[in-house]
Amino acid sequence: VQLQASGGGLVQPGGSLTLSCTVSGSIFTMNTMGWYRQAPGKQRELVATITSGGTTNYADSVKGRFTISRANAKNMGYLQMNSLKPEDTAVYFCNLRDIYGSYWGQGTQVTVSS
């Protein structure tokens, strides 16, 4: 199983970005896709998760600003990020967990700065 994250970049405070995660390989139908982030000098933290059934979970710091979604038929996941703040600056990673294991993609850098 391989995950490929894309869509990061430089954006001004208050701006928006959409991250995408492409999943390839054989995965179990029931799974949870998630986005995590790691800022310099900090531990990796949960941003949001979504189950294959569509149940979502968000970190308090992003509630109301970020939206996680997925397209099961395309094996794709997305993270719509609005009202971005400088403290959202981090490397963002996509993750998929199923009964066989936990899989990580390479990170994509998001920088929020004026």
PDB file of N, CA and C in Angstrom:
ATOM      1  N   VAL A   1       0.851  -1.171   0.000  1.00  0.00           N
ATOM      2  CA  VAL A   1       0.000   0.000   0.000  1.00  0.00           C
ATOM      3  C   VAL A   1       0.897   1.234   0.000  1.00  0.00           C
ATOM      4  N   GLN A   2       0.598   2.161  -0.884  1.00  0.00           N
ATOM      5  CA  GLN A   2       1.355   3.409  -0.946  1.00  0.00           C
ATOM      6  C   GLN A   2       0.397   4.593  -0.915  1.00  0.00           C
ATOM      7  N   LEU A   3       0.791   5.626  -0.197  1.00  0.00           N
ATOM      8  CA  LEU A   3       0.019   6.847  -0.115  1.00  0.00           C
ATOM      9  C   LEU A   3       0.866   8.002  -0.635  1.00  0.00           C
ATOM     10  N   GLN A   4       0.247   8.867  -1.404  1.00  0.00           N
ATOM     11  CA  GLN A   4       0.930  10.019  -1.982  1.00  0.00           C
ATOM     12  C   GLN A   4       0.142  11.273  -1.650  1.00  0.00           C
ATOM     13  N   ALA A   5       0.750  12.140  -0.844  1.00  0.00           N
ATOM     14  CA  ALA A   5       0.107  13.402  -0.489  1.00  0.00           C
ATOM     15  C   ALA A   5       0.587  14.510  -1.412  1.00  0.00           C
ATOM     16  N   SER A   6      -0.303  15.432  -1.714  1.00  0.00           N
ATOM     17  CA  SER A   6       0.057  16.559  -2.569  1.00  0.00           C
ATOM     18  C   SER A   6      -0.828  17.753  -2.225  1.00  0.00           C
ATOM     19  N   GLY A   7      -0.447  18.906  -2.756  1.00  0.00           N
ATOM     20  CA  GLY A   7      -1.275  20.091  -2.597  1.00  0.00           C
ATOM     21  C   GLY A   7      -0.751  21.127  -1.627  1.00  0.00           C
ATOM     22  N   GLY A   8       0.362  20.843  -0.972  1.00  0.00           N
ATOM     23  CA  GLY A   8       0.909  21.814  -0.046  1.00  0.00           C
ATOM     24  C   GLY A   8       1.485  23.016  -0.764  1.00  0.00           C
ATOM     25  N   GLY A   9       1.845  24.022   0.013  1.00  0.00           N
ATOM     26  CA  GLY A   9       2.432  25.208  -0.570  1.00  0.00           C
ATOM     27  C   GLY A   9       2.484  26.348   0.414  1.00  0.00           C
ATOM     28  N   LEU A  10       2.758  27.516  -0.128  1.00  0.00           N
ATOM     29  CA  LEU A  10       2.830  28.735   0.670  1.00  0.00           C
ATOM     30  C   LEU A  10       1.530  29.507   0.491  1.00  0.00           C
ATOM     31  N   VAL A  11       0.929  29.911   1.591  1.00  0.00           N
ATOM     32  CA  VAL A  11      -0.333  30.649   1.530  1.00  0.00           C
ATOM     33  C   VAL A  11      -0.323  31.725   2.602  1.00  0.00           C
ATOM     34  N   GLN A  12      -1.018  32.825   2.340  1.00  0.00           N
ATOM     35  CA  GLN A  12      -1.091  33.895   3.322  1.00  0.00           C
ATOM     36  C   GLN A  12      -2.092  33.562   4.408  1.00  0.00           C
ATOM     37  N   PRO A  13      -1.922  34.142   5.577  1.00  0.00           N
ATOM     38  CA  PRO A  13      -2.921  33.934   6.639  1.00  0.00           C
ATOM     39  C   PRO A  13      -4.322  34.284   6.144  1.00  0.00           C
ATOM     40  N   GLY A  14      -5.265  33.446   6.499  1.00  0.00           N
ATOM     41  CA  GLY A  14      -6.636  33.624   6.034  1.00  0.00           C
ATOM     42  C   GLY A  14      -6.931  32.919   4.733  1.00  0.00           C
ATOM     43  N   GLY A  15      -5.909  32.408   4.088  1.00  0.00           N
ATOM     44  CA  GLY A  15      -6.076  31.738   2.809  1.00  0.00           C
ATOM     45  C   GLY A  15      -6.525  30.288   2.945  1.00  0.00           C
ATOM     46  N   SER A  16      -6.602  29.629   1.796  1.00  0.00           N
ATOM     47  CA  SER A  16      -7.084  28.249   1.750  1.00  0.00           C
ATOM     48  C   SER A  16      -6.153  27.369   0.918  1.00  0.00           C
ATOM     49  N   LEU A  17      -6.140  26.114   1.264  1.00  0.00           N
ATOM     50  CA  LEU A  17      -5.437  25.085   0.492  1.00  0.00           C
ATOM     51  C   LEU A  17      -6.228  23.802   0.580  1.00  0.00           C
ATOM     52  N   THR A  18      -6.103  22.969  -0.435  1.00  0.00           N
ATOM     53  CA  THR A  18      -6.687  21.635  -0.401  1.00  0.00           C
ATOM     54  C   THR A  18      -5.584  20.612  -0.616  1.00  0.00           C
ATOM     55  N   LEU A  19      -5.442  19.724   0.341  1.00  0.00           N
ATOM     56  CA  LEU A  19      -4.494  18.627   0.225  1.00  0.00           C
ATOM     57  C   LEU A  19      -5.202  17.399  -0.322  1.00  0.00           C
ATOM     58  N   SER A  20      -4.461  16.611  -1.091  1.00  0.00           N
ATOM     59  CA  SER A  20      -5.000  15.366  -1.633  1.00  0.00           C
ATOM     60  C   SER A  20      -4.105  14.210  -1.243  1.00  0.00           C
ATOM     61  N   CYS A  21      -4.708  13.046  -1.081  1.00  0.00           N
ATOM     62  CA  CYS A  21      -3.964  11.831  -0.758  1.00  0.00           C
ATOM     63  C   CYS A  21      -4.446  10.735  -1.691  1.00  0.00           C
ATOM     64  N   THR A  22      -3.541  10.199  -2.457  1.00  0.00           N
ATOM     65  CA  THR A  22      -3.865   9.106  -3.373  1.00  0.00           C
ATOM     66  C   THR A  22      -3.371   7.807  -2.770  1.00  0.00           C
ATOM     67  N   VAL A  23      -4.265   6.822  -2.701  1.00  0.00           N
ATOM     68  CA  VAL A  23      -3.943   5.524  -2.128  1.00  0.00           C
ATOM     69  C   VAL A  23      -3.869   4.495  -3.245  1.00  0.00           C
ATOM     70  N   SER A  24      -2.774   3.762  -3.294  1.00  0.00           N
ATOM     71  CA  SER A  24      -2.645   2.684  -4.264  1.00  0.00           C
ATOM     72  C   SER A  24      -2.325   1.389  -3.536  1.00  0.00           C
ATOM     73  N   GLY A  25      -2.722   0.282  -4.118  1.00  0.00           N
ATOM     74  CA  GLY A  25      -2.512  -1.001  -3.492  1.00  0.00           C
ATOM     75  C   GLY A  25      -3.807  -1.561  -2.943  1.00  0.00           C
ATOM     76  N   SER A  26      -3.722  -2.718  -2.370  1.00  0.00           N
ATOM     77  CA  SER A  26      -4.901  -3.419  -1.876  1.00  0.00           C
ATOM     78  C   SER A  26      -5.160  -3.058  -0.419  1.00  0.00           C
ATOM     79  N   ILE A  27      -6.321  -2.493  -0.157  1.00  0.00           N
ATOM     80  CA  ILE A  27      -6.684  -2.138   1.206  1.00  0.00           C
ATOM     81  C   ILE A  27      -8.014  -2.783   1.560  1.00  0.00           C
ATOM     82  N   PHE A  28      -8.228  -2.995   2.860  1.00  0.00           N
ATOM     83  CA  PHE A  28      -9.479  -3.556   3.325  1.00  0.00           C
ATOM     84  C   PHE A  28     -10.574  -2.511   3.182  1.00  0.00           C
ATOM     85  N   THR A  29     -11.770  -2.967   2.855  1.00  0.00           N
ATOM     86  CA  THR A  29     -12.882  -2.057   2.597  1.00  0.00           C
ATOM     87  C   THR A  29     -13.139  -1.127   3.772  1.00  0.00           C
ATOM     88  N   MET A  30     -13.111  -1.692   4.978  1.00  0.00           N
ATOM     89  CA  MET A  30     -13.331  -0.871   6.170  1.00  0.00           C
ATOM     90  C   MET A  30     -11.987  -0.315   6.630  1.00  0.00           C
ATOM     91  N   ASN A  31     -11.856   0.999   6.580  1.00  0.00           N
ATOM     92  CA  ASN A  31     -10.592   1.603   6.958  1.00  0.00           C
ATOM     93  C   ASN A  31     -10.819   3.034   7.424  1.00  0.00           C
ATOM     94  N   THR A  32      -9.817   3.607   7.992  1.00  0.00           N
ATOM     95  CA  THR A  32      -9.863   5.005   8.427  1.00  0.00           C
ATOM     96  C   THR A  32      -8.714   5.758   7.779  1.00  0.00           C
ATOM     97  N   MET A  33      -9.058   6.854   7.146  1.00  0.00           N
ATOM     98  CA  MET A  33      -8.053   7.716   6.526  1.00  0.00           C
ATOM     99  C   MET A  33      -7.880   8.949   7.402  1.00  0.00           C
ATOM    100  N   GLY A  34      -6.646   9.379   7.547  1.00  0.00           N
ATOM    101  CA  GLY A  34      -6.413  10.528   8.410  1.00  0.00           C
ATOM    102  C   GLY A  34      -5.331  11.445   7.887  1.00  0.00           C
ATOM    103  N   TRP A  35      -5.370  12.661   8.398  1.00  0.00           N
ATOM    104  CA  TRP A  35      -4.321  13.628   8.161  1.00  0.00           C
ATOM    105  C   TRP A  35      -3.683  13.988   9.490  1.00  0.00           C
ATOM    106  N   TYR A  36      -2.366  14.023   9.494  1.00  0.00           N
ATOM    107  CA  TYR A  36      -1.587  14.406  10.647  1.00  0.00           C
ATOM    108  C   TYR A  36      -0.615  15.498  10.221  1.00  0.00           C
ATOM    109  N   ARG A  37      -0.082  16.213  11.182  1.00  0.00           N
ATOM    110  CA  ARG A  37       0.902  17.232  10.847  1.00  0.00           C
ATOM    111  C   ARG A  37       2.000  17.284  11.892  1.00  0.00           C
ATOM    112  N   GLN A  38       3.144  17.760  11.446  1.00  0.00           N
ATOM    113  CA  GLN A  38       4.280  17.887  12.345  1.00  0.00           C
ATOM    114  C   GLN A  38       4.982  19.194  12.061  1.00  0.00           C
ATOM    115  N   ALA A  39       4.970  20.053  13.056  1.00  0.00           N
ATOM    116  CA  ALA A  39       5.662  21.331  12.957  1.00  0.00           C
ATOM    117  C   ALA A  39       7.096  21.163  13.454  1.00  0.00           C
ATOM    118  N   PRO A  40       8.005  22.032  13.057  1.00  0.00           N
ATOM    119  CA  PRO A  40       9.399  21.914  13.495  1.00  0.00           C
ATOM    120  C   PRO A  40       9.512  21.891  15.014  1.00  0.00           C
ATOM    121  N   GLY A  41      10.229  20.897  15.515  1.00  0.00           N
ATOM    122  CA  GLY A  41      10.458  20.795  16.950  1.00  0.00           C
ATOM    123  C   GLY A  41       9.290  20.260  17.743  1.00  0.00           C
ATOM    124  N   LYS A  42       8.219  19.844  17.041  1.00  0.00           N
ATOM    125  CA  LYS A  42       7.041  19.336  17.739  1.00  0.00           C
ATOM    126  C   LYS A  42       6.743  17.909  17.308  1.00  0.00           C
ATOM    127  N   GLN A  43       5.924  17.249  18.104  1.00  0.00           N
ATOM    128  CA  GLN A  43       5.523  15.892  17.768  1.00  0.00           C
ATOM    129  C   GLN A  43       4.434  15.908  16.686  1.00  0.00           C
ATOM    130  N   ARG A  44       4.346  14.815  15.966  1.00  0.00           N
ATOM    131  CA  ARG A  44       3.274  14.671  14.985  1.00  0.00           C
ATOM    132  C   ARG A  44       1.935  14.635  15.717  1.00  0.00           C
ATOM    133  N   GLU A  45       0.955  15.357  15.186  1.00  0.00           N
ATOM    134  CA  GLU A  45      -0.339  15.416  15.846  1.00  0.00           C
ATOM    135  C   GLU A  45      -1.461  15.129  14.854  1.00  0.00           C
ATOM    136  N   LEU A  46      -2.552  14.638  15.396  1.00  0.00           N
ATOM    137  CA  LEU A  46      -3.728  14.356  14.591  1.00  0.00           C
ATOM    138  C   LEU A  46      -4.377  15.653  14.135  1.00  0.00           C
ATOM    139  N   VAL A  47      -4.770  15.697  12.876  1.00  0.00           N
ATOM    140  CA  VAL A  47      -5.545  16.824  12.361  1.00  0.00           C
ATOM    141  C   VAL A  47      -7.003  16.410  12.191  1.00  0.00           C
ATOM    142  N   ALA A  48      -7.218  15.328  11.456  1.00  0.00           N
ATOM    143  CA  ALA A  48      -8.586  14.873  11.201  1.00  0.00           C
ATOM    144  C   ALA A  48      -8.558  13.442  10.691  1.00  0.00           C
ATOM    145  N   THR A  49      -9.644  12.727  10.938  1.00  0.00           N
ATOM    146  CA  THR A  49      -9.792  11.380  10.403  1.00  0.00           C
ATOM    147  C   THR A  49     -11.191  11.210   9.822  1.00  0.00           C
ATOM    148  N   ILE A  50     -11.315  10.254   8.920  1.00  0.00           N
ATOM    149  CA  ILE A  50     -12.612   9.913   8.339  1.00  0.00           C
ATOM    150  C   ILE A  50     -12.633   8.415   8.078  1.00  0.00           C
ATOM    151  N   THR A  51     -13.704   7.766   8.514  1.00  0.00           N
ATOM    152  CA  THR A  51     -13.830   6.338   8.285  1.00  0.00           C
ATOM    153  C   THR A  51     -14.367   6.079   6.877  1.00  0.00           C
ATOM    154  N   SER A  52     -14.312   4.833   6.469  1.00  0.00           N
ATOM    155  CA  SER A  52     -14.850   4.490   5.154  1.00  0.00           C
ATOM    156  C   SER A  52     -16.356   4.712   5.105  1.00  0.00           C
ATOM    157  N   GLY A  53     -16.983   4.760   6.281  1.00  0.00           N
ATOM    158  CA  GLY A  53     -18.411   5.043   6.340  1.00  0.00           C
ATOM    159  C   GLY A  53     -18.733   6.519   6.403  1.00  0.00           C
ATOM    160  N   GLY A  54     -17.702   7.358   6.510  1.00  0.00           N
ATOM    161  CA  GLY A  54     -17.913   8.800   6.488  1.00  0.00           C
ATOM    162  C   GLY A  54     -17.920   9.493   7.834  1.00  0.00           C
ATOM    163  N   THR A  55     -17.674   8.782   8.909  1.00  0.00           N
ATOM    164  CA  THR A  55     -17.618   9.414  10.227  1.00  0.00           C
ATOM    165  C   THR A  55     -16.310  10.191  10.359  1.00  0.00           C
ATOM    166  N   THR A  56     -16.429  11.450  10.773  1.00  0.00           N
ATOM    167  CA  THR A  56     -15.251  12.317  10.847  1.00  0.00           C
ATOM    168  C   THR A  56     -14.903  12.673  12.288  1.00  0.00           C
ATOM    169  N   ASN A  57     -13.647  13.041  12.468  1.00  0.00           N
ATOM    170  CA  ASN A  57     -13.142  13.480  13.765  1.00  0.00           C
ATOM    171  C   ASN A  57     -12.090  14.547  13.512  1.00  0.00           C
ATOM    172  N   TYR A  58     -12.128  15.631  14.300  1.00  0.00           N
ATOM    173  CA  TYR A  58     -11.203  16.741  14.089  1.00  0.00           C
ATOM    174  C   TYR A  58     -10.499  17.131  15.381  1.00  0.00           C
ATOM    175  N   ALA A  59      -9.267  17.579  15.242  1.00  0.00           N
ATOM    176  CA  ALA A  59      -8.598  18.211  16.369  1.00  0.00           C
ATOM    177  C   ALA A  59      -9.314  19.524  16.676  1.00  0.00           C
ATOM    178  N   ASP A  60      -9.367  19.883  17.945  1.00  0.00           N
ATOM    179  CA  ASP A  60     -10.059  21.112  18.339  1.00  0.00           C
ATOM    180  C   ASP A  60      -9.489  22.328  17.610  1.00  0.00           C
ATOM    181  N   SER A  61      -8.209  22.310  17.347  1.00  0.00           N
ATOM    182  CA  SER A  61      -7.546  23.468  16.745  1.00  0.00           C
ATOM    183  C   SER A  61      -7.969  23.738  15.301  1.00  0.00           C
ATOM    184  N   VAL A  62      -8.585  22.751  14.661  1.00  0.00           N
ATOM    185  CA  VAL A  62      -8.957  22.941  13.255  1.00  0.00           C
ATOM    186  C   VAL A  62     -10.463  22.863  13.031  1.00  0.00           C
ATOM    187  N   LYS A  63     -11.223  22.564  14.058  1.00  0.00           N
ATOM    188  CA  LYS A  63     -12.682  22.454  13.912  1.00  0.00           C
ATOM    189  C   LYS A  63     -13.272  23.756  13.374  1.00  0.00           C
ATOM    190  N   GLY A  64     -14.132  23.611  12.392  1.00  0.00           N
ATOM    191  CA  GLY A  64     -14.763  24.773  11.793  1.00  0.00           C
ATOM    192  C   GLY A  64     -13.944  25.414  10.685  1.00  0.00           C
ATOM    193  N   ARG A  65     -12.702  25.008  10.534  1.00  0.00           N
ATOM    194  CA  ARG A  65     -11.835  25.578   9.491  1.00  0.00           C
ATOM    195  C   ARG A  65     -11.432  24.537   8.448  1.00  0.00           C
ATOM    196  N   PHE A  66     -11.207  23.300   8.907  1.00  0.00           N
ATOM    197  CA  PHE A  66     -10.758  22.237   8.012  1.00  0.00           C
ATOM    198  C   PHE A  66     -11.905  21.248   7.776  1.00  0.00           C
ATOM    199  N   THR A  67     -11.919  20.656   6.597  1.00  0.00           N
ATOM    200  CA  THR A  67     -12.897  19.631   6.273  1.00  0.00           C
ATOM    201  C   THR A  67     -12.191  18.458   5.614  1.00  0.00           C
ATOM    202  N   ILE A  68     -12.371  17.284   6.199  1.00  0.00           N
ATOM    203  CA  ILE A  68     -11.802  16.072   5.631  1.00  0.00           C
ATOM    204  C   ILE A  68     -12.880  15.358   4.830  1.00  0.00           C
ATOM    205  N   SER A  69     -12.489  14.790   3.704  1.00  0.00           N
ATOM    206  CA  SER A  69     -13.427  14.045   2.874  1.00  0.00           C
ATOM    207  C   SER A  69     -12.663  12.953   2.147  1.00  0.00           C
ATOM    208  N   ARG A  70     -13.433  12.095   1.486  1.00  0.00           N
ATOM    209  CA  ARG A  70     -12.799  11.012   0.746  1.00  0.00           C
ATOM    210  C   ARG A  70     -13.689  10.575  -0.405  1.00  0.00           C
ATOM    211  N   ALA A  71     -13.057   9.999  -1.400  1.00  0.00           N
ATOM    212  CA  ALA A  71     -13.778   9.412  -2.527  1.00  0.00           C
ATOM    213  C   ALA A  71     -13.361   7.955  -2.582  1.00  0.00           C
ATOM    214  N   ASN A  72     -14.161   7.104  -1.981  1.00  0.00           N
ATOM    215  CA  ASN A  72     -13.787   5.694  -1.838  1.00  0.00           C
ATOM    216  C   ASN A  72     -13.548   5.023  -3.197  1.00  0.00           C
ATOM    217  N   ALA A  73     -14.383   5.346  -4.157  1.00  0.00           N
ATOM    218  CA  ALA A  73     -14.261   4.705  -5.466  1.00  0.00           C
ATOM    219  C   ALA A  73     -12.946   5.060  -6.150  1.00  0.00           C
ATOM    220  N   LYS A  74     -12.405   6.213  -5.790  1.00  0.00           N
ATOM    221  CA  LYS A  74     -11.153   6.658  -6.402  1.00  0.00           C
ATOM    222  C   LYS A  74      -9.958   6.422  -5.493  1.00  0.00           C
ATOM    223  N   ASN A  75     -10.190   5.874  -4.294  1.00  0.00           N
ATOM    224  CA  ASN A  75      -9.118   5.703  -3.308  1.00  0.00           C
ATOM    225  C   ASN A  75      -8.382   7.025  -3.082  1.00  0.00           C
ATOM    226  N   MET A  76      -9.164   8.066  -2.901  1.00  0.00           N
ATOM    227  CA  MET A  76      -8.605   9.396  -2.677  1.00  0.00           C
ATOM    228  C   MET A  76      -9.119   9.972  -1.369  1.00  0.00           C
ATOM    229  N   GLY A  77      -8.272  10.773  -0.734  1.00  0.00           N
ATOM    230  CA  GLY A  77      -8.682  11.518   0.444  1.00  0.00           C
ATOM    231  C   GLY A  77      -8.301  12.974   0.275  1.00  0.00           C
ATOM    232  N   TYR A  78      -9.042  13.854   0.980  1.00  0.00           N
ATOM    233  CA  TYR A  78      -8.817  15.284   0.823  1.00  0.00           C
ATOM    234  C   TYR A  78      -8.867  15.982   2.182  1.00  0.00           C
ATOM    235  N   LEU A  79      -8.175  17.096   2.240  1.00  0.00           N
ATOM    236  CA  LEU A  79      -8.264  17.956   3.415  1.00  0.00           C
ATOM    237  C   LEU A  79      -8.393  19.387   2.909  1.00  0.00           C
ATOM    238  N   GLN A  80      -9.598  19.941   3.038  1.00  0.00           N
ATOM    239  CA  GLN A  80      -9.838  21.331   2.676  1.00  0.00           C
ATOM    240  C   GLN A  80      -9.519  22.191   3.882  1.00  0.00           C
ATOM    241  N   MET A  81      -8.589  23.120   3.712  1.00  0.00           N
ATOM    242  CA  MET A  81      -8.146  23.954   4.816  1.00  0.00           C
ATOM    243  C   MET A  81      -8.477  25.410   4.515  1.00  0.00           C
ATOM    244  N   ASN A  82      -9.316  25.994   5.338  1.00  0.00           N
ATOM    245  CA  ASN A  82      -9.716  27.388   5.195  1.00  0.00           C
ATOM    246  C   ASN A  82      -9.254  28.201   6.392  1.00  0.00           C
ATOM    247  N   SER A  83      -9.263  29.496   6.227  1.00  0.00           N
ATOM    248  CA  SER A  83      -8.886  30.410   7.317  1.00  0.00           C
ATOM    249  C   SER A  83      -7.567  29.985   7.957  1.00  0.00           C
ATOM    250  N   LEU A  84      -6.607  29.735   7.139  1.00  0.00           N
ATOM    251  CA  LEU A  84      -5.324  29.222   7.621  1.00  0.00           C
ATOM    252  C   LEU A  84      -4.611  30.252   8.486  1.00  0.00           C
ATOM    253  N   LYS A  85      -3.931  29.743   9.498  1.00  0.00           N
ATOM    254  CA  LYS A  85      -3.193  30.559  10.454  1.00  0.00           C
ATOM    255  C   LYS A  85      -1.713  30.181  10.400  1.00  0.00           C
ATOM    256  N   PRO A  86      -0.855  31.090  10.819  1.00  0.00           N
ATOM    257  CA  PRO A  86       0.580  30.748  10.844  1.00  0.00           C
ATOM    258  C   PRO A  86       0.871  29.480  11.648  1.00  0.00           C
ATOM    259  N   GLU A  87       0.092  29.240  12.694  1.00  0.00           N
ATOM    260  CA  GLU A  87       0.330  28.049  13.509  1.00  0.00           C
ATOM    261  C   GLU A  87      -0.090  26.766  12.814  1.00  0.00           C
ATOM    262  N   ASP A  88      -0.704  26.856  11.649  1.00  0.00           N
ATOM    263  CA  ASP A  88      -0.995  25.663  10.852  1.00  0.00           C
ATOM    264  C   ASP A  88       0.211  25.228  10.028  1.00  0.00           C
ATOM    265  N   THR A  89       1.255  26.016  10.036  1.00  0.00           N
ATOM    266  CA  THR A  89       2.458  25.665   9.294  1.00  0.00           C
ATOM    267  C   THR A  89       3.046  24.363   9.811  1.00  0.00           C
ATOM    268  N   ALA A  90       3.234  23.408   8.915  1.00  0.00           N
ATOM    269  CA  ALA A  90       3.734  22.091   9.292  1.00  0.00           C
ATOM    270  C   ALA A  90       3.880  21.241   8.035  1.00  0.00           C
ATOM    271  N   VAL A  91       4.484  20.099   8.212  1.00  0.00           N
ATOM    272  CA  VAL A  91       4.446  19.064   7.188  1.00  0.00           C
ATOM    273  C   VAL A  91       3.213  18.207   7.468  1.00  0.00           C
ATOM    274  N   TYR A  92       2.377  18.049   6.460  1.00  0.00           N
ATOM    275  CA  TYR A  92       1.139  17.300   6.604  1.00  0.00           C
ATOM    276  C   TYR A  92       1.303  15.916   5.977  1.00  0.00           C
ATOM    277  N   PHE A  93       0.871  14.900   6.725  1.00  0.00           N
ATOM    278  CA  PHE A  93       0.990  13.512   6.299  1.00  0.00           C
ATOM    279  C   PHE A  93      -0.392  12.886   6.197  1.00  0.00           C
ATOM    280  N   CYS A  94      -0.593  12.058   5.189  1.00  0.00           N
ATOM    281  CA  CYS A  94      -1.822  11.276   5.152  1.00  0.00           C
ATOM    282  C   CYS A  94      -1.524   9.867   5.657  1.00  0.00           C
ATOM    283  N   ASN A  95      -2.537   9.281   6.226  1.00  0.00           N
ATOM    284  CA  ASN A  95      -2.419   7.960   6.860  1.00  0.00           C
ATOM    285  C   ASN A  95      -3.661   7.138   6.555  1.00  0.00           C
ATOM    286  N   LEU A  96      -3.471   5.849   6.419  1.00  0.00           N
ATOM    287  CA  LEU A  96      -4.606   4.944   6.269  1.00  0.00           C
ATOM    288  C   LEU A  96      -4.399   3.744   7.179  1.00  0.00           C
ATOM    289  N   ARG A  97      -5.446   3.414   7.926  1.00  0.00           N
ATOM    290  CA  ARG A  97      -5.398   2.261   8.827  1.00  0.00           C
ATOM    291  C   ARG A  97      -6.504   1.288   8.451  1.00  0.00           C
ATOM    292  N   ASP A  98      -6.112   0.006   8.303  1.00  0.00           N
ATOM    293  CA  ASP A  98      -7.119  -1.043   8.155  1.00  0.00           C
ATOM    294  C   ASP A  98      -6.706  -2.216   9.011  1.00  0.00           C
ATOM    295  N   ILE A  99      -7.377  -3.348   8.843  1.00  0.00           N
ATOM    296  CA  ILE A  99      -7.097  -4.468   9.737  1.00  0.00           C
ATOM    297  C   ILE A  99      -5.698  -5.051   9.505  1.00  0.00           C
ATOM    298  N   TYR A 100      -5.085  -4.673   8.409  1.00  0.00           N
ATOM    299  CA  TYR A 100      -3.771  -5.225   8.103  1.00  0.00           C
ATOM    300  C   TYR A 100      -2.624  -4.339   8.584  1.00  0.00           C
ATOM    301  N   GLY A 101      -2.889  -3.092   8.845  1.00  0.00           N
ATOM    302  CA  GLY A 101      -1.812  -2.233   9.293  1.00  0.00           C
ATOM    303  C   GLY A 101      -2.104  -0.758   9.162  1.00  0.00           C
ATOM    304  N   SER A 102      -1.064   0.024   9.368  1.00  0.00           N
ATOM    305  CA  SER A 102      -1.146   1.485   9.279  1.00  0.00           C
ATOM    306  C   SER A 102      -0.111   1.943   8.256  1.00  0.00           C
ATOM    307  N   TYR A 103      -0.544   2.776   7.336  1.00  0.00           N
ATOM    308  CA  TYR A 103       0.298   3.160   6.221  1.00  0.00           C
ATOM    309  C   TYR A 103       0.415   4.675   6.167  1.00  0.00           C
ATOM    310  N   TRP A 104       1.618   5.155   5.852  1.00  0.00           N
ATOM    311  CA  TRP A 104       1.884   6.586   5.809  1.00  0.00           C
ATOM    312  C   TRP A 104       2.379   6.997   4.436  1.00  0.00           C
ATOM    313  N   GLY A 105       1.988   8.182   4.048  1.00  0.00           N
ATOM    314  CA  GLY A 105       2.544   8.772   2.849  1.00  0.00           C
ATOM    315  C   GLY A 105       3.675   9.711   3.213  1.00  0.00           C
ATOM    316  N   GLN A 106       4.366  10.195   2.221  1.00  0.00           N
ATOM    317  CA  GLN A 106       5.379  11.208   2.487  1.00  0.00           C
ATOM    318  C   GLN A 106       4.653  12.514   2.788  1.00  0.00           C
ATOM    319  N   GLY A 107       5.264  13.404   3.456  1.00  0.00           N
ATOM    320  CA  GLY A 107       4.587  14.634   3.845  1.00  0.00           C
ATOM    321  C   GLY A 107       4.565  15.664   2.741  1.00  0.00           C
ATOM    322  N   THR A 108       3.669  16.626   2.915  1.00  0.00           N
ATOM    323  CA  THR A 108       3.638  17.784   2.026  1.00  0.00           C
ATOM    324  C   THR A 108       3.673  19.032   2.900  1.00  0.00           C
ATOM    325  N   GLN A 109       4.530  19.960   2.550  1.00  0.00           N
ATOM    326  CA  GLN A 109       4.758  21.133   3.377  1.00  0.00           C
ATOM    327  C   GLN A 109       3.668  22.178   3.161  1.00  0.00           C
ATOM    328  N   VAL A 110       3.116  22.650   4.263  1.00  0.00           N
ATOM    329  CA  VAL A 110       2.176  23.769   4.242  1.00  0.00           C
ATOM    330  C   VAL A 110       2.788  24.899   5.056  1.00  0.00           C
ATOM    331  N   THR A 111       2.958  26.030   4.428  1.00  0.00           N
ATOM    332  CA  THR A 111       3.523  27.197   5.101  1.00  0.00           C
ATOM    333  C   THR A 111       2.540  28.347   5.015  1.00  0.00           C
ATOM    334  N   VAL A 112       2.162  28.864   6.172  1.00  0.00           N
ATOM    335  CA  VAL A 112       1.222  29.987   6.234  1.00  0.00           C
ATOM    336  C   VAL A 112       1.996  31.202   6.725  1.00  0.00           C
ATOM    337  N   SER A 113       2.186  32.131   5.824  1.00  0.00           N
ATOM    338  CA  SER A 113       3.016  33.297   6.150  1.00  0.00           C
ATOM    339  C   SER A 113       2.685  34.442   5.215  1.00  0.00           C
ATOM    340  N   SER A 114       2.805  35.640   5.744  1.00  0.00           N
ATOM    341  CA  SER A 114       2.609  36.820   4.909  1.00  0.00           C
ATOM    342  C   SER A 114       3.939  37.305   4.351  1.00  0.00           C
TER     343      SER A 114
END
